[in-house]
């Protein structure tokens, strides 16, 4: 049985604490409750009208959920205190800018409303949350798990930080997990440890029952606690009105929409053109590693909806570059590696902005453009003394010359030859190694 969202879509605008009344608790909490004001006397925000648009019994309200299970009770007791309620309130307030968006996704896919609470245990609704294992964002996607979800990760963006884009991906992923097991507790366990892991556990146990797997040692500790913790917190948040857990008003945040950016722009310069605070744009685009959109892929820039038309007008002006650069003139001994390190960009970023530039044959006196991602002084280059001891090694490859290697390691060709007991015009043999400075 799945939860059924009913009523007009506009009502989704304010997701009510308590929409899953009866879902996880032994008795329906609001079954006989009378309608209450949208804002309580204490100023805690709710929207009671939405409750009427949901069935009180959802997918998870069935005999397969042992509500008195010791693991559920463990987390229930942990969070059912004043500090726990304050903690959950702060987390739910963080979700306000995109909470309605997630609810509408769940409604559209006819999925349990409780899944809104999954980021509470995944990330605390921190867009930039990063786990020890490298999972990122409110839904905690690993780098190797974003395939097929149109999520880009490169020098410029990490779209795992985008709560709108990853919410679409997470809902798809959860729905697919459910299709594999036809059971939401197993689907949730698979979200934590992977479908393959849970499928193997089920096969080994001979039983597709999360609680059986949990009680008979078929799950790793993290997954063992993951589902009970989620169920306990979902139960508590479903009682937010009763427990005075304030989620915050979604209408305190301006409606947003996206516009397609096909070139690199500095959003700080765009903000100036629009009369917006640059931080306002940055907060809506947490996937940007810097204030600059990617130069080589299309990027959906999120803005307050009231400013999208003006932004498109600014962007349509081809004479407005909307990006800051450092201009740098190549000197003897310079390498792209050293320049990239100094200016805080990748070598590839410099190559992207300087068509035809070749790292191995930099032309002295040529002026190149380097994206200004941070404020630094002009690169002064490395002197021979700064090159340090020749404690590194370089394996000779096709196309290498002493000259190109000297440029790469920011030393004079004469010193490189001297350190390797060679002459400047010595013939290099493929596969041999040379002593070079450690960069």
Protein backbone atom coordinates (compact mmCIF):
# COMPACT_ATOMS: atom_id res chain seq x y z
CA UNK A 1 0.00 0.00 0.00
CA UNK A 2 1.38 3.39 -0.95
CA UNK A 3 0.63 6.81 0.40
CA UNK A 4 -1.79 8.72 -1.83
CA UNK A 5 -1.42 12.47 -2.19
CA UNK A 6 -4.73 14.15 -2.91
CA UNK A 7 -6.06 17.65 -3.18
CA UNK A 8 -4.86 20.58 -5.26
CA UNK A 9 -1.16 20.86 -5.90
CA UNK A 10 -1.09 24.43 -4.62
CA UNK A 11 -1.79 23.06 -1.14
CA UNK A 12 1.61 21.40 -1.21
CA UNK A 13 3.02 24.87 -0.69
CA UNK A 14 3.10 24.33 3.07
CA UNK A 15 3.94 20.80 4.13
CA UNK A 16 2.27 20.24 7.46
CA UNK A 17 3.95 18.72 10.46
CA UNK A 18 1.88 15.66 11.13
CA UNK A 19 0.98 14.70 7.57
CA UNK A 20 2.01 11.19 8.34
CA UNK A 21 -0.09 10.93 11.45
CA UNK A 22 -0.48 7.31 12.31
CA UNK A 23 2.21 6.26 9.90
CA UNK A 24 4.78 5.17 12.42
CA UNK A 25 2.99 5.46 15.74
CA UNK A 26 0.89 2.79 17.38
CA UNK A 27 -2.21 4.97 17.09
CA UNK A 28 -3.18 7.71 14.62
CA UNK A 29 -2.13 10.93 16.34
CA UNK A 30 -4.60 13.31 14.73
CA UNK A 31 -7.41 10.93 13.87
CA UNK A 32 -9.95 12.79 16.01
CA UNK A 33 -8.23 16.17 16.13
CA UNK A 34 -10.12 19.35 15.31
CA UNK A 35 -8.63 21.81 12.80
CA UNK A 36 -6.15 24.17 14.45
CA UNK A 37 -4.73 27.55 13.50
CA UNK A 38 -1.85 27.73 11.03
CA UNK A 39 0.31 29.39 13.67
CA UNK A 40 0.16 28.36 17.32
CA UNK A 41 0.16 30.77 20.24
CA UNK A 42 3.88 30.08 20.65
CA UNK A 43 4.55 31.18 17.07
CA UNK A 44 5.42 27.70 15.82
CA UNK A 45 4.52 27.37 12.14
CA UNK A 46 2.14 24.73 10.81
CA UNK A 47 -0.45 24.37 8.08
CA UNK A 48 -3.32 22.25 9.23
CA UNK A 49 -5.28 22.40 5.96
CA UNK A 50 -2.76 20.19 4.21
CA UNK A 51 -3.31 17.37 6.69
CA UNK A 52 -6.78 16.87 5.31
CA UNK A 53 -5.30 16.15 1.89
CA UNK A 54 -3.38 13.08 3.06
CA UNK A 55 -4.52 9.65 4.13
CA UNK A 56 -3.65 9.09 7.77
CA UNK A 57 -2.47 5.54 7.07
CA UNK A 58 0.49 5.34 4.74
CA UNK A 59 2.69 2.62 3.37
CA UNK A 60 4.70 2.24 6.55
CA UNK A 61 1.69 1.93 8.83
CA UNK A 62 1.38 -1.82 8.77
CA UNK A 63 2.09 -4.86 10.87
CA UNK A 64 5.58 -5.21 9.42
CA UNK A 65 6.78 -2.21 11.42
CA UNK A 66 7.48 -3.30 15.04
CA UNK A 67 6.98 0.08 16.68
CA UNK A 68 8.15 -1.24 20.03
CA UNK A 69 11.36 -2.69 18.58
CA UNK A 70 14.32 -1.93 20.90
CA UNK A 71 16.27 -0.19 18.13
CA UNK A 72 13.39 2.15 17.27
CA UNK A 73 12.83 2.78 20.97
CA UNK A 74 16.55 3.55 21.41
CA UNK A 75 16.41 6.44 18.95
CA UNK A 76 12.94 7.52 20.03
CA UNK A 77 14.22 8.06 23.57
CA UNK A 78 17.37 9.74 22.28
CA UNK A 79 15.47 12.44 20.40
CA UNK A 80 12.35 12.84 22.55
CA UNK A 81 13.71 15.59 24.79
CA UNK A 82 13.87 19.38 24.65
CA UNK A 83 17.34 19.38 23.13
CA UNK A 84 16.26 16.78 20.59
CA UNK A 85 13.23 18.80 19.54
CA UNK A 86 15.33 21.98 19.20
CA UNK A 87 17.86 20.06 17.12
CA UNK A 88 15.19 18.69 14.77
CA UNK A 89 13.59 22.12 14.49
CA UNK A 90 16.85 23.72 13.36
CA UNK A 91 17.36 20.96 10.80
CA UNK A 92 13.85 21.25 9.36
CA UNK A 93 14.20 25.03 9.08
CA UNK A 94 17.23 24.48 6.85
CA UNK A 95 14.99 22.59 4.43
CA UNK A 96 12.60 25.52 3.98
CA UNK A 97 14.02 26.87 0.67
CA UNK A 98 13.39 23.60 -1.17
CA UNK A 99 11.08 21.60 1.10
CA UNK A 100 8.02 22.20 -1.07
CA UNK A 101 9.99 21.04 -4.09
CA UNK A 102 10.80 17.71 -2.43
CA UNK A 103 7.19 17.22 -1.35
CA UNK A 104 5.96 17.81 -4.89
CA UNK A 105 8.45 15.26 -6.20
CA UNK A 106 7.19 12.66 -3.72
CA UNK A 107 3.61 13.49 -4.61
CA UNK A 108 4.29 13.17 -8.33
CA UNK A 109 5.87 9.72 -7.85
CA UNK A 110 3.20 8.61 -5.35
CA UNK A 111 5.87 7.87 -2.76
CA UNK A 112 5.71 7.97 1.05
CA UNK A 113 5.68 11.48 2.50
CA UNK A 114 8.03 10.28 5.26
CA UNK A 115 10.90 10.23 2.77
CA UNK A 116 11.06 14.00 3.19
CA UNK A 117 12.76 13.28 6.51
CA UNK A 118 15.55 11.10 5.11
CA UNK A 119 18.03 13.99 4.74
CA UNK A 120 17.61 14.64 8.47
CA UNK A 121 19.69 11.54 9.17
CA UNK A 122 21.73 11.73 5.98
CA UNK A 123 23.04 15.28 6.23
CA UNK A 124 20.97 17.42 8.58
CA UNK A 125 19.86 19.24 5.41
CA UNK A 126 23.35 20.73 4.99
CA UNK A 127 23.90 21.21 1.25
CA UNK A 128 27.67 20.93 1.56
CA UNK A 129 27.74 18.07 4.06
CA UNK A 130 30.57 15.62 3.32
CA UNK A 131 30.91 12.24 5.00
CA UNK A 132 34.14 10.46 5.90
CA UNK A 133 33.58 8.17 2.92
CA UNK A 134 33.20 11.13 0.54
CA UNK A 135 29.40 11.24 0.18
CA UNK A 136 28.20 14.81 -0.47
CA UNK A 137 25.02 16.87 -0.22
CA UNK A 138 21.69 16.60 1.57
CA UNK A 139 21.09 13.15 0.05
CA UNK A 140 24.73 12.05 0.43
CA UNK A 141 25.63 10.85 -3.05
CA UNK A 142 29.00 9.19 -3.59
CA UNK A 143 31.02 10.22 -6.63
CA UNK A 144 30.54 6.75 -8.14
CA UNK A 145 26.78 6.73 -7.57
CA UNK A 146 25.70 9.72 -9.67
CA UNK A 147 25.77 7.95 -13.03
CA UNK A 148 22.51 8.31 -14.92
CA UNK A 149 21.25 11.20 -12.77
CA UNK A 150 22.65 14.11 -14.83
CA UNK A 151 24.82 15.25 -11.91
CA UNK A 152 28.15 16.80 -12.92
CA UNK A 153 31.36 16.88 -10.90
CA UNK A 154 34.42 18.72 -12.19
CA UNK A 155 36.84 21.54 -11.35
CA UNK A 156 33.99 24.06 -11.39
CA UNK A 157 30.96 22.34 -9.90
CA UNK A 158 29.94 19.53 -7.62
CA UNK A 159 26.25 19.18 -8.31
CA UNK A 160 25.85 16.74 -5.45
CA UNK A 161 25.53 19.94 -3.41
CA UNK A 162 22.47 21.08 -5.38
CA UNK A 163 19.44 20.19 -3.24
CA UNK A 164 17.00 20.57 -6.13
CA UNK A 165 18.92 18.44 -8.61
CA UNK A 166 19.87 15.76 -6.08
CA UNK A 167 16.32 15.57 -4.73
CA UNK A 168 15.19 14.52 -8.20
CA UNK A 169 17.97 11.94 -8.26
CA UNK A 170 17.27 10.66 -4.74
CA UNK A 171 13.57 10.17 -5.42
CA UNK A 172 14.42 8.21 -8.58
CA UNK A 173 16.96 6.14 -6.69
CA UNK A 174 14.58 5.38 -3.81
CA UNK A 175 11.81 4.46 -6.21
CA UNK A 176 14.14 2.09 -8.06
CA UNK A 177 15.28 0.56 -4.75
CA UNK A 178 11.66 -0.10 -3.87
CA UNK A 179 11.05 -1.75 -7.23
CA UNK A 180 13.82 -4.24 -6.40
CA UNK A 181 12.40 -5.36 -3.04
CA UNK A 182 8.76 -4.22 -2.92
CA UNK A 183 9.50 -3.25 0.68
CA UNK A 184 10.37 0.23 1.95
CA UNK A 185 12.49 -0.87 4.89
CA UNK A 186 14.70 -2.88 2.52
CA UNK A 187 14.68 -0.01 0.01
CA UNK A 188 15.91 2.35 2.74
CA UNK A 189 18.56 -0.12 3.85
CA UNK A 190 19.69 -0.33 0.21
CA UNK A 191 19.93 3.47 0.06
CA UNK A 192 22.43 3.24 2.88
CA UNK A 193 24.51 0.25 1.83
CA UNK A 194 23.62 -0.42 -1.79
CA UNK A 195 21.10 -2.62 -3.55
CA UNK A 196 23.70 -5.30 -4.24
CA UNK A 197 24.61 -5.57 -0.57
CA UNK A 198 21.01 -5.95 0.55
CA UNK A 199 20.21 -8.35 -2.27
CA UNK A 200 23.14 -10.52 -1.16
CA UNK A 201 21.98 -10.37 2.47
CA UNK A 202 18.46 -11.42 1.47
CA UNK A 203 19.82 -14.29 -0.60
CA UNK A 204 22.04 -15.49 2.23
CA UNK A 205 19.27 -15.24 4.82
CA UNK A 206 16.66 -16.74 2.52
CA UNK A 207 14.20 -14.12 3.69
CA UNK A 208 13.35 -10.64 2.33
CA UNK A 209 12.57 -9.13 5.73
CA UNK A 210 14.59 -6.20 7.07
CA UNK A 211 13.89 -7.00 10.71
CA UNK A 212 14.90 -10.62 10.25
CA UNK A 213 18.13 -9.49 8.60
CA UNK A 214 18.75 -7.01 11.42
CA UNK A 215 18.14 -9.51 14.23
CA UNK A 216 20.19 -12.32 12.70
CA UNK A 217 23.39 -10.44 11.88
CA UNK A 218 23.01 -10.08 8.12
CA UNK A 219 23.48 -6.29 8.14
CA UNK A 220 26.50 -4.16 8.91
CA UNK A 221 26.18 -1.98 12.00
CA UNK A 222 25.57 1.28 10.12
CA UNK A 223 22.66 -0.19 8.15
CA UNK A 224 21.36 -1.98 11.23
CA UNK A 225 20.83 1.41 12.91
CA UNK A 226 19.95 3.41 9.79
CA UNK A 227 16.34 2.30 9.29
CA UNK A 228 15.27 2.30 12.99
CA UNK A 229 16.77 5.78 13.41
CA UNK A 230 14.86 7.03 10.39
CA UNK A 231 11.60 5.50 11.61
CA UNK A 232 12.00 7.01 15.08
CA UNK A 233 12.77 10.48 13.75
CA UNK A 234 9.96 10.29 11.19
CA UNK A 235 7.56 9.40 13.99
CA UNK A 236 8.71 12.33 16.10
CA UNK A 237 8.53 14.81 13.23
CA UNK A 238 5.05 13.57 12.39
CA UNK A 239 4.10 14.82 15.86
CA UNK A 240 5.75 18.20 15.38
CA UNK A 241 2.66 20.21 16.37
CA UNK A 242 2.14 18.21 19.52
CA UNK A 243 5.85 18.44 20.39
CA UNK A 244 6.21 22.09 19.35
CA UNK A 245 8.84 21.41 16.66
CA UNK A 246 8.88 24.42 14.36
CA UNK A 247 9.78 23.79 10.70
CA UNK A 248 9.90 27.43 9.67
CA UNK A 249 7.93 29.16 6.94
CA UNK A 250 8.67 28.24 3.36
CA UNK A 251 7.20 31.55 2.22
CA UNK A 252 10.08 33.37 3.93
CA UNK A 253 12.14 32.29 0.92
CA UNK A 254 11.59 33.83 -2.52
CA UNK A 255 10.40 31.57 -5.36
CA UNK A 256 13.28 30.54 -7.59
CA UNK A 257 13.82 29.33 -11.12
CA UNK A 258 16.78 28.49 -13.32
CA UNK A 259 18.28 29.95 -16.46
CA UNK A 260 20.74 28.16 -18.72
CA UNK A 261 24.28 29.55 -18.74
CA UNK A 262 26.37 28.49 -21.73
CA UNK A 263 29.63 30.20 -20.79
CA UNK A 264 31.70 31.00 -17.75
CA UNK A 265 30.48 34.01 -15.80
CA UNK A 266 31.37 35.37 -12.39
CA UNK A 267 28.07 35.40 -10.50
CA UNK A 268 29.37 38.31 -8.41
CA UNK A 269 29.45 40.47 -11.54
CA UNK A 270 26.00 39.29 -12.57
CA UNK A 271 24.74 40.13 -9.07
CA UNK A 272 26.09 43.68 -9.47
CA UNK A 273 24.24 44.04 -12.76
CA UNK A 274 21.01 42.84 -11.17
CA UNK A 275 21.34 44.79 -7.92
CA UNK A 276 21.48 41.56 -5.89
CA UNK A 277 23.79 40.52 -3.10
CA UNK A 278 26.27 38.05 -4.57
CA UNK A 279 25.84 35.78 -1.55
CA UNK A 280 22.14 35.45 -2.39
CA UNK A 281 23.07 33.84 -5.72
CA UNK A 282 25.80 31.77 -4.13
CA UNK A 283 23.37 30.30 -1.58
CA UNK A 284 21.03 29.26 -4.37
CA UNK A 285 23.90 27.60 -6.23
CA UNK A 286 25.88 25.64 -3.63
CA UNK A 287 27.21 23.33 -6.35
CA UNK A 288 29.55 26.08 -7.62
CA UNK A 289 33.04 25.50 -6.26
CA UNK A 290 33.85 29.17 -6.83
CA UNK A 291 31.72 32.11 -7.92
CA UNK A 292 32.21 31.10 -11.55
CA UNK A 293 29.98 28.93 -13.75
CA UNK A 294 31.62 26.13 -15.80
CA UNK A 295 33.24 27.18 -19.07
CA UNK A 296 32.74 23.94 -20.96
CA UNK A 297 29.27 22.66 -20.00
CA UNK A 298 25.83 24.23 -19.76
CA UNK A 299 24.89 25.21 -16.22
CA UNK A 300 21.43 25.83 -14.81
CA UNK A 301 21.89 28.94 -12.66
CA UNK A 302 19.25 29.31 -9.97
CA UNK A 303 18.02 32.84 -9.25
CA UNK A 304 15.07 34.46 -7.47
CA UNK A 305 12.30 34.21 -10.05
CA UNK A 306 11.77 37.97 -10.01
CA UNK A 307 15.26 38.47 -11.46
CA UNK A 308 15.41 35.83 -14.20
CA UNK A 309 14.14 38.08 -16.99
CA UNK A 310 16.64 40.82 -16.15
CA UNK A 311 19.43 38.24 -15.91
CA UNK A 312 18.65 36.88 -19.36
CA UNK A 313 18.74 40.40 -20.75
CA UNK A 314 22.20 40.98 -19.27
CA UNK A 315 23.50 37.63 -20.51
CA UNK A 316 22.24 38.29 -24.03
CA UNK A 317 24.73 41.18 -24.34
CA UNK A 318 27.70 39.54 -26.04
CA UNK A 319 30.03 42.40 -25.12
CA UNK A 320 29.62 41.69 -21.40
CA UNK A 321 32.18 39.06 -20.42
CA UNK A 322 31.02 38.94 -16.79
CA UNK A 323 34.22 37.29 -15.65
CA UNK A 324 37.48 38.46 -14.12
CA UNK A 325 40.87 37.29 -15.34
CA UNK A 326 44.48 37.74 -14.49
CA UNK A 327 46.63 38.60 -17.49
CA UNK A 328 50.03 36.97 -17.24
CA UNK A 329 53.05 37.26 -19.55
CA UNK A 330 55.09 34.06 -19.84
CA UNK A 331 58.68 34.32 -18.59
CA UNK A 332 61.62 31.97 -18.89
CA UNK A 333 61.23 29.01 -16.59
CA UNK A 334 57.44 29.30 -16.23
CA UNK A 335 55.30 26.16 -16.27
CA UNK A 336 51.53 25.85 -16.37
CA UNK A 337 51.73 23.60 -13.33
CA UNK A 338 53.43 26.32 -11.28
CA UNK A 339 51.06 29.01 -12.57
CA UNK A 340 48.01 26.87 -11.83
CA UNK A 341 49.25 26.18 -8.32
CA UNK A 342 49.90 29.87 -7.65
CA UNK A 343 46.54 31.10 -8.96
CA UNK A 344 44.51 28.27 -7.44
CA UNK A 345 43.17 26.78 -10.67
CA UNK A 346 43.81 23.59 -12.59
CA UNK A 347 46.13 23.36 -15.59
CA UNK A 348 43.11 22.34 -17.65
CA UNK A 349 41.31 25.53 -16.64
CA UNK A 350 44.15 27.63 -18.03
CA UNK A 351 44.15 25.58 -21.24
CA UNK A 352 40.37 26.02 -21.59
CA UNK A 353 40.77 29.81 -21.65
CA UNK A 354 43.78 29.93 -23.95
CA UNK A 355 43.04 28.16 -27.21
CA UNK A 356 46.10 26.56 -28.77
CA UNK A 357 48.27 26.86 -25.69
CA UNK A 358 50.56 23.86 -25.23
CA UNK A 359 52.08 23.16 -21.79
CA UNK A 360 55.29 21.76 -23.23
CA UNK A 361 56.01 24.69 -25.56
CA UNK A 362 55.16 27.88 -23.71
CA UNK A 363 56.26 30.93 -25.70
CA UNK A 364 58.19 33.50 -23.67
CA UNK A 365 56.45 36.88 -23.86
CA UNK A 366 53.02 35.44 -24.71
CA UNK A 367 50.17 36.84 -22.60
CA UNK A 368 47.69 34.31 -21.27
CA UNK A 369 44.44 34.63 -19.31
CA UNK A 370 44.01 32.93 -15.95
CA UNK A 371 40.57 32.81 -14.26
CA UNK A 372 40.57 34.89 -11.06
CA UNK A 373 39.18 32.44 -8.55
CA UNK A 374 41.01 34.01 -5.62
CA UNK A 375 42.97 37.17 -4.85
CA UNK A 376 46.71 36.59 -5.24
CA UNK A 377 49.71 38.61 -6.22
CA UNK A 378 51.41 38.32 -9.59
CA UNK A 379 53.37 35.12 -9.98
CA UNK A 380 57.09 35.89 -9.65
CA UNK A 381 58.36 32.55 -10.87
CA UNK A 382 60.81 30.18 -9.27
CA UNK A 383 64.48 30.98 -9.15
CA UNK A 384 67.07 28.26 -9.55
CA UNK A 385 67.70 28.45 -5.80
CA UNK A 386 63.99 27.92 -5.09
CA UNK A 387 63.96 24.80 -7.20
CA UNK A 388 65.51 22.96 -4.28
CA UNK A 389 67.34 19.67 -4.36
CA UNK A 390 66.94 17.33 -7.30
CA UNK A 391 65.29 14.61 -5.23
CA UNK A 392 62.51 13.79 -7.68
CA UNK A 393 62.56 11.70 -10.82
CA UNK A 394 61.10 12.13 -14.29
CA UNK A 395 60.63 9.19 -16.64
CA UNK A 396 61.41 10.19 -20.24
CA UNK A 397 58.41 9.91 -22.55
CA UNK A 398 57.86 10.37 -26.27
CA UNK A 399 58.43 14.01 -27.23
CA UNK A 400 60.43 14.96 -24.13
CA UNK A 401 63.50 17.14 -24.51
CA UNK A 402 65.78 18.61 -21.86
CA UNK A 403 64.28 21.97 -22.75
CA UNK A 404 60.67 20.89 -22.22
CA UNK A 405 61.55 19.06 -19.00
CA UNK A 406 63.42 22.12 -17.71
CA UNK A 407 60.35 24.25 -18.38
CA UNK A 408 58.08 21.76 -16.61
CA UNK A 409 60.18 21.78 -13.46
CA UNK A 410 60.99 25.50 -13.50
CA UNK A 411 64.78 25.12 -13.73
CA UNK A 412 67.33 26.20 -16.29
CA UNK A 413 68.22 23.67 -18.93
CA UNK A 414 71.89 24.05 -18.03
CA UNK A 415 71.29 23.12 -14.39
CA UNK A 416 69.10 20.17 -15.36
CA UNK A 417 71.85 18.86 -17.66
CA UNK A 418 74.51 19.42 -15.01
CA UNK A 419 72.56 17.54 -12.31
CA UNK A 420 72.20 14.57 -14.67
CA UNK A 421 75.81 14.56 -15.95
CA UNK A 422 74.65 15.39 -19.45
CA UNK A 423 75.14 18.11 -22.00
CA UNK A 424 72.32 20.39 -23.09
CA UNK A 425 72.21 18.62 -26.48
CA UNK A 426 72.30 15.04 -25.15
CA UNK A 427 69.92 12.57 -26.78
CA UNK A 428 67.26 11.30 -24.35
CA UNK A 429 66.26 7.63 -24.31
CA UNK A 430 62.65 6.62 -23.73
CA UNK A 431 62.10 5.05 -20.31
CA UNK A 432 65.25 6.48 -18.73
CA UNK A 433 64.87 8.62 -15.63
CA UNK A 434 66.26 12.04 -14.85
CA UNK A 435 66.82 13.75 -11.53
CA UNK A 436 64.45 16.69 -11.17
CA UNK A 437 63.19 18.97 -8.38
CA UNK A 438 60.13 17.84 -6.45
CA UNK A 439 57.30 20.21 -7.36
